[in-house]
C-alpha atoms as a PDB file:
ATOM      1  CA  MET A   1       0.000   0.000   0.000  1.00  0.00           C
ATOM      2  CA  LYS A   2       2.760   2.436   0.934  1.00  0.00           C
ATOM      3  CA  ASN A   3       4.585   1.604  -2.283  1.00  0.00           C
ATOM      4  CA  GLY A   4       1.513   2.493  -4.382  1.00  0.00           C
ATOM      5  CA  ILE A   5       1.044   5.800  -2.567  1.00  0.00           C
ATOM      6  CA  ARG A   6       4.735   6.609  -3.029  1.00  0.00           C
ATOM      7  CA  ILE A   7       4.470   5.959  -6.796  1.00  0.00           C
ATOM      8  CA  ILE A   8       1.373   8.150  -7.048  1.00  0.00           C
ATOM      9  CA  TRP A   9       3.129  10.913  -5.047  1.00  0.00           C
ATOM     10  CA  HIS A  10       6.233  10.817  -7.311  1.00  0.00           C
ATOM     11  CA  THR A  11       4.045  10.807 -10.415  1.00  0.00           C
ATOM     12  CA  LEU A  12       2.118  13.794  -9.093  1.00  0.00           C
ATOM     13  CA  LYS A  13       5.371  15.678  -8.360  1.00  0.00           C
ATOM     14  CA  VAL A  14       6.640  15.051 -11.906  1.00  0.00           C
ATOM     15  CA  PHE A  15       3.302  16.167 -13.355  1.00  0.00           C
ATOM     16  CA  ILE A  16       3.314  19.382 -11.305  1.00  0.00           C
ATOM     17  CA  LEU A  17       6.936  20.100 -12.263  1.00  0.00           C
ATOM     18  CA  PHE A  18       6.198  19.485 -15.962  1.00  0.00           C
ATOM     19  CA  THR A  19       3.047  21.626 -15.882  1.00  0.00           C
ATOM     20  CA  GLY A  20       4.803  24.455 -14.066  1.00  0.00           C
ATOM     21  CA  SER A  21       7.744  24.402 -16.458  1.00  0.00           C
ATOM     22  CA  THR A  22       5.407  24.399 -19.452  1.00  0.00           C
ATOM     23  CA  ILE A  23       3.452  27.379 -18.133  1.00  0.00           C
ATOM     24  CA  LEU A  24       6.663  29.259 -17.336  1.00  0.00           C
ATOM     25  CA  PHE A  25       8.044  28.577 -20.818  1.00  0.00           C
ATOM     26  CA  TYR A  26       4.763  29.635 -22.461  1.00  0.00           C
ATOM     27  CA  TYR A  27       4.606  32.960 -20.639  1.00  0.00           C
ATOM     28  CA  GLY A  28       8.311  33.537 -21.322  1.00  0.00           C
ATOM     29  CA  ILE A  29       7.748  33.095 -25.049  1.00  0.00           C
ATOM     30  CA  MET A  30       4.684  35.365 -24.898  1.00  0.00           C
ATOM     31  CA  TRP A  31       6.729  38.043 -23.090  1.00  0.00           C
ATOM     32  CA  ILE A  32       9.492  37.896 -25.713  1.00  0.00           C
ATOM     33  CA  SER A  33       6.897  38.010 -28.484  1.00  0.00           C
ATOM     34  CA  GLU A  34       5.303  41.134 -27.015  1.00  0.00           C
ATOM     35  CA  GLU A  35       8.706  42.789 -26.649  1.00  0.00           C
ATOM     36  CA  TYR A  36       9.517  42.377 -30.336  1.00  0.00           C
ATOM     37  CA  GLU A  37       5.991  43.032 -31.620  1.00  0.00           C
ATOM     38  CA  GLY A  38       6.499  46.795 -31.515  1.00  0.00           C
ATOM     39  CA  TYR A  39       9.937  46.586 -33.122  1.00  0.00           C
ATOM     40  CA  HIS A  40       9.767  48.122 -36.604  1.00  0.00           C
ATOM     41  CA  ARG A  41      12.461  46.470 -38.680  1.00  0.00           C
ATOM     42  CA  TYR A  42      11.510  48.060 -41.975  1.00  0.00           C
ATOM     43  CA  ASP A  43      11.386  51.716 -40.974  1.00  0.00           C
ATOM     44  CA  GLU A  44      13.451  54.251 -42.843  1.00  0.00           C
ATOM     45  CA  PRO A  45      16.891  54.570 -41.251  1.00  0.00           C
ATOM     46  CA  GLU A  46      17.658  57.700 -39.298  1.00  0.00           C
ATOM     47  CA  GLY A  47      20.784  59.794 -39.501  1.00  0.00           C
ATOM     48  CA  ALA A  48      23.412  59.627 -42.234  1.00  0.00           C
ATOM     49  CA  ALA A  49      22.391  56.283 -43.727  1.00  0.00           C
ATOM     50  CA  VAL A  50      23.863  55.334 -47.080  1.00  0.00           C
ATOM     51  CA  LYS A  51      22.191  53.140 -49.675  1.00  0.00           C
ATOM     52  CA  VAL A  52      24.482  50.197 -50.316  1.00  0.00           C
ATOM     53  CA  TYR A  53      22.563  48.498 -53.105  1.00  0.00           C
ATOM     54  CA  SER A  54      22.037  49.781 -56.601  1.00  0.00           C
ATOM     55  CA  SER A  55      20.268  47.837 -59.278  1.00  0.00           C
ATOM     56  CA  ILE A  56      22.114  46.909 -62.434  1.00  0.00           C
ATOM     57  CA  THR A  57      20.775  48.913 -65.344  1.00  0.00           C
ATOM     58  CA  ASN A  58      23.458  47.628 -67.643  1.00  0.00           C
ATOM     59  CA  GLU A  59      21.914  45.896 -70.653  1.00  0.00           C
ATOM     60  CA  GLU A  60      25.006  43.730 -71.115  1.00  0.00           C
ATOM     61  CA  SER A  61      24.408  41.698 -67.983  1.00  0.00           C
ATOM     62  CA  ASN A  62      21.737  39.114 -68.602  1.00  0.00           C
ATOM     63  CA  TRP A  63      20.368  36.417 -66.288  1.00  0.00           C
ATOM     64  CA  TYR A  64      23.159  34.006 -67.171  1.00  0.00           C
ATOM     65  CA  ASP A  65      25.865  36.474 -66.153  1.00  0.00           C
ATOM     66  CA  ARG A  66      24.025  37.217 -62.903  1.00  0.00           C
ATOM     67  CA  LEU A  67      23.739  33.487 -62.195  1.00  0.00           C
ATOM     68  CA  LEU A  68      27.456  32.965 -62.787  1.00  0.00           C
ATOM     69  CA  PHE A  69      28.227  35.966 -60.594  1.00  0.00           C
ATOM     70  CA  PHE A  70      26.087  34.440 -57.828  1.00  0.00           C
ATOM     71  CA  TYR A  71      27.775  31.040 -58.094  1.00  0.00           C
ATOM     72  CA  MET A  72      31.266  32.493 -58.182  1.00  0.00           C
ATOM     73  CA  ASN A  73      30.877  35.073 -55.381  1.00  0.00           C
ATOM     74  CA  GLY A  74      27.935  33.820 -53.392  1.00  0.00           C
ATOM     75  CA  GLU A  75      26.140  37.156 -53.643  1.00  0.00           C
END
């Protein structure tokens, strides 16, 4: 009888620990999500920002040249 009660008590402790950890993890993820929800990644930069990308308007470069450039340089 005591052995059965001990097993039930240990099972209950593991269940409470698992449930508590799950709830703590859930609210931690929700807190992080709320922190980054207001973060605007695509706003215009402030200050002396410089545009680092310019499109190629050169008619000599076709898709094949761009593909070779990508394979050779990884860009």
